[in-house]
Amino acid sequence: MSFGLCNAPATFQRCMLEIFSDMMEETMEVFMDDFSVF
């Protein structure tokens, strides 16, 4: 059984949400490895 990057996508999503939490509802949308600024 490999113990590599088993939870990497969820961890990355959580980090992106924490980093950009102040801009989330106003000017930015984050989904996985893509973020849109509007």
PDB file of N, CA and C in Angstrom:
ATOM      1  N   MET A   1       0.843  -1.174   0.000  1.00  0.00           N
ATOM      2  CA  MET A   1       0.000   0.000   0.000  1.00  0.00           C
ATOM      3  C   MET A   1       0.893   1.244   0.000  1.00  0.00           C
ATOM      4  N   SER A   2       0.605   2.146  -0.900  1.00  0.00           N
ATOM      5  CA  SER A   2       1.431   3.351  -0.970  1.00  0.00           C
ATOM      6  C   SER A   2       0.826   4.450  -0.103  1.00  0.00           C
ATOM      7  N   PHE A   3       1.681   5.210   0.516  1.00  0.00           N
ATOM      8  CA  PHE A   3       1.242   6.314   1.360  1.00  0.00           C
ATOM      9  C   PHE A   3       1.737   7.629   0.773  1.00  0.00           C
ATOM     10  N   GLY A   4       1.653   7.761  -0.516  1.00  0.00           N
ATOM     11  CA  GLY A   4       2.151   8.945  -1.208  1.00  0.00           C
ATOM     12  C   GLY A   4       1.261  10.152  -0.996  1.00  0.00           C
ATOM     13  N   LEU A   5       0.737  10.676  -2.063  1.00  0.00           N
ATOM     14  CA  LEU A   5      -0.074  11.891  -2.020  1.00  0.00           C
ATOM     15  C   LEU A   5      -1.559  11.537  -1.955  1.00  0.00           C
ATOM     16  N   CYS A   6      -1.936  10.784  -0.941  1.00  0.00           N
ATOM     17  CA  CYS A   6      -3.309  10.279  -0.861  1.00  0.00           C
ATOM     18  C   CYS A   6      -4.329  11.379  -0.569  1.00  0.00           C
ATOM     19  N   ASN A   7      -3.949  12.446   0.093  1.00  0.00           N
ATOM     20  CA  ASN A   7      -4.895  13.501   0.448  1.00  0.00           C
ATOM     21  C   ASN A   7      -4.446  14.854  -0.104  1.00  0.00           C
ATOM     22  N   ALA A   8      -3.596  14.852  -1.098  1.00  0.00           N
ATOM     23  CA  ALA A   8      -3.022  16.095  -1.613  1.00  0.00           C
ATOM     24  C   ALA A   8      -4.059  17.061  -2.190  1.00  0.00           C
ATOM     25  N   PRO A   9      -5.024  16.613  -3.005  1.00  0.00           N
ATOM     26  CA  PRO A   9      -5.986  17.586  -3.547  1.00  0.00           C
ATOM     27  C   PRO A   9      -6.792  18.306  -2.469  1.00  0.00           C
ATOM     28  N   ALA A  10      -7.245  17.588  -1.468  1.00  0.00           N
ATOM     29  CA  ALA A  10      -8.021  18.219  -0.396  1.00  0.00           C
ATOM     30  C   ALA A  10      -7.159  19.175   0.418  1.00  0.00           C
ATOM     31  N   THR A  11      -5.923  18.802   0.668  1.00  0.00           N
ATOM     32  CA  THR A  11      -5.013  19.661   1.418  1.00  0.00           C
ATOM     33  C   THR A  11      -4.704  20.929   0.636  1.00  0.00           C
ATOM     34  N   PHE A  12      -4.470  20.800  -0.662  1.00  0.00           N
ATOM     35  CA  PHE A  12      -4.183  21.963  -1.495  1.00  0.00           C
ATOM     36  C   PHE A  12      -5.391  22.894  -1.554  1.00  0.00           C
ATOM     37  N   GLN A  13      -6.595  22.322  -1.699  1.00  0.00           N
ATOM     38  CA  GLN A  13      -7.807  23.133  -1.731  1.00  0.00           C
ATOM     39  C   GLN A  13      -7.960  23.904  -0.426  1.00  0.00           C
ATOM     40  N   ARG A  14      -7.718  23.255   0.684  1.00  0.00           N
ATOM     41  CA  ARG A  14      -7.838  23.910   1.989  1.00  0.00           C
ATOM     42  C   ARG A  14      -6.818  25.033   2.139  1.00  0.00           C
ATOM     43  N   CYS A  15      -5.599  24.809   1.674  1.00  0.00           N
ATOM     44  CA  CYS A  15      -4.561  25.849   1.734  1.00  0.00           C
ATOM     45  C   CYS A  15      -4.934  27.043   0.873  1.00  0.00           C
ATOM     46  N   MET A  16      -5.437  26.796  -0.335  1.00  0.00           N
ATOM     47  CA  MET A  16      -5.842  27.891  -1.215  1.00  0.00           C
ATOM     48  C   MET A  16      -6.973  28.701  -0.582  1.00  0.00           C
ATOM     49  N   LEU A  17      -7.920  28.025   0.049  1.00  0.00           N
ATOM     50  CA  LEU A  17      -9.022  28.737   0.690  1.00  0.00           C
ATOM     51  C   LEU A  17      -8.539  29.564   1.872  1.00  0.00           C
ATOM     52  N   GLU A  18      -7.575  29.058   2.620  1.00  0.00           N
ATOM     53  CA  GLU A  18      -7.029  29.810   3.750  1.00  0.00           C
ATOM     54  C   GLU A  18      -6.228  31.021   3.276  1.00  0.00           C
ATOM     55  N   ILE A  19      -5.423  30.848   2.232  1.00  0.00           N
ATOM     56  CA  ILE A  19      -4.591  31.944   1.729  1.00  0.00           C
ATOM     57  C   ILE A  19      -5.452  33.078   1.181  1.00  0.00           C
ATOM     58  N   PHE A  20      -6.482  32.739   0.416  1.00  0.00           N
ATOM     59  CA  PHE A  20      -7.305  33.752  -0.241  1.00  0.00           C
ATOM     60  C   PHE A  20      -8.649  33.960   0.451  1.00  0.00           C
ATOM     61  N   SER A  21      -8.759  33.650   1.734  1.00  0.00           N
ATOM     62  CA  SER A  21     -10.050  33.734   2.424  1.00  0.00           C
ATOM     63  C   SER A  21     -10.614  35.155   2.459  1.00  0.00           C
ATOM     64  N   ASP A  22      -9.764  36.161   2.526  1.00  0.00           N
ATOM     65  CA  ASP A  22     -10.260  37.538   2.582  1.00  0.00           C
ATOM     66  C   ASP A  22     -10.807  38.026   1.243  1.00  0.00           C
ATOM     67  N   MET A  23     -10.435  37.397   0.139  1.00  0.00           N
ATOM     68  CA  MET A  23     -10.906  37.807  -1.183  1.00  0.00           C
ATOM     69  C   MET A  23     -11.937  36.855  -1.780  1.00  0.00           C
ATOM     70  N   MET A  24     -12.299  35.809  -1.060  1.00  0.00           N
ATOM     71  CA  MET A  24     -13.118  34.748  -1.643  1.00  0.00           C
ATOM     72  C   MET A  24     -14.463  35.227  -2.177  1.00  0.00           C
ATOM     73  N   GLU A  25     -15.258  35.890  -1.390  1.00  0.00           N
ATOM     74  CA  GLU A  25     -16.614  36.215  -1.809  1.00  0.00           C
ATOM     75  C   GLU A  25     -16.701  37.506  -2.609  1.00  0.00           C
ATOM     76  N   GLU A  26     -15.643  38.284  -2.627  1.00  0.00           N
ATOM     77  CA  GLU A  26     -15.698  39.569  -3.311  1.00  0.00           C
ATOM     78  C   GLU A  26     -15.129  39.508  -4.722  1.00  0.00           C
ATOM     79  N   THR A  27     -13.897  39.020  -4.858  1.00  0.00           N
ATOM     80  CA  THR A  27     -13.232  39.144  -6.152  1.00  0.00           C
ATOM     81  C   THR A  27     -12.599  37.870  -6.667  1.00  0.00           C
ATOM     82  N   MET A  28     -12.733  36.763  -5.957  1.00  0.00           N
ATOM     83  CA  MET A  28     -11.989  35.582  -6.376  1.00  0.00           C
ATOM     84  C   MET A  28     -12.783  34.316  -6.116  1.00  0.00           C
ATOM     85  N   GLU A  29     -12.617  33.355  -7.026  1.00  0.00           N
ATOM     86  CA  GLU A  29     -13.214  32.040  -6.860  1.00  0.00           C
ATOM     87  C   GLU A  29     -12.111  31.006  -6.994  1.00  0.00           C
ATOM     88  N   VAL A  30     -11.975  30.116  -6.032  1.00  0.00           N
ATOM     89  CA  VAL A  30     -10.907  29.119  -6.020  1.00  0.00           C
ATOM     90  C   VAL A  30     -11.520  27.736  -6.147  1.00  0.00           C
ATOM     91  N   PHE A  31     -11.017  26.966  -7.102  1.00  0.00           N
ATOM     92  CA  PHE A  31     -11.428  25.570  -7.239  1.00  0.00           C
ATOM     93  C   PHE A  31     -10.215  24.742  -7.608  1.00  0.00           C
ATOM     94  N   MET A  32      -9.813  23.866  -6.704  1.00  0.00           N
ATOM     95  CA  MET A  32      -8.658  22.979  -6.875  1.00  0.00           C
ATOM     96  C   MET A  32      -7.407  23.779  -7.231  1.00  0.00           C
ATOM     97  N   ASP A  33      -6.866  23.619  -8.435  1.00  0.00           N
ATOM     98  CA  ASP A  33      -5.621  24.303  -8.777  1.00  0.00           C
ATOM     99  C   ASP A  33      -5.868  25.508  -9.682  1.00  0.00           C
ATOM    100  N   ASP A  34      -7.093  25.982  -9.726  1.00  0.00           N
ATOM    101  CA  ASP A  34      -7.455  27.081 -10.613  1.00  0.00           C
ATOM    102  C   ASP A  34      -8.148  28.163  -9.791  1.00  0.00           C
ATOM    103  N   PHE A  35      -7.776  29.409 -10.000  1.00  0.00           N
ATOM    104  CA  PHE A  35      -8.502  30.486  -9.338  1.00  0.00           C
ATOM    105  C   PHE A  35      -8.821  31.576 -10.343  1.00  0.00           C
ATOM    106  N   SER A  36     -10.024  32.121 -10.240  1.00  0.00           N
ATOM    107  CA  SER A  36     -10.506  33.147 -11.151  1.00  0.00           C
ATOM    108  C   SER A  36     -10.672  34.448 -10.388  1.00  0.00           C
ATOM    109  N   VAL A  37     -10.167  35.523 -10.968  1.00  0.00           N
ATOM    110  CA  VAL A  37     -10.317  36.848 -10.382  1.00  0.00           C
ATOM    111  C   VAL A  37     -11.302  37.612 -11.239  1.00  0.00           C
ATOM    112  N   PHE A  38     -12.331  38.164 -10.589  1.00  0.00           N
ATOM    113  CA  PHE A  38     -13.327  38.924 -11.345  1.00  0.00           C
ATOM    114  C   PHE A  38     -13.704  40.177 -10.608  1.00  0.00           C
TER     115      PHE A  38
END
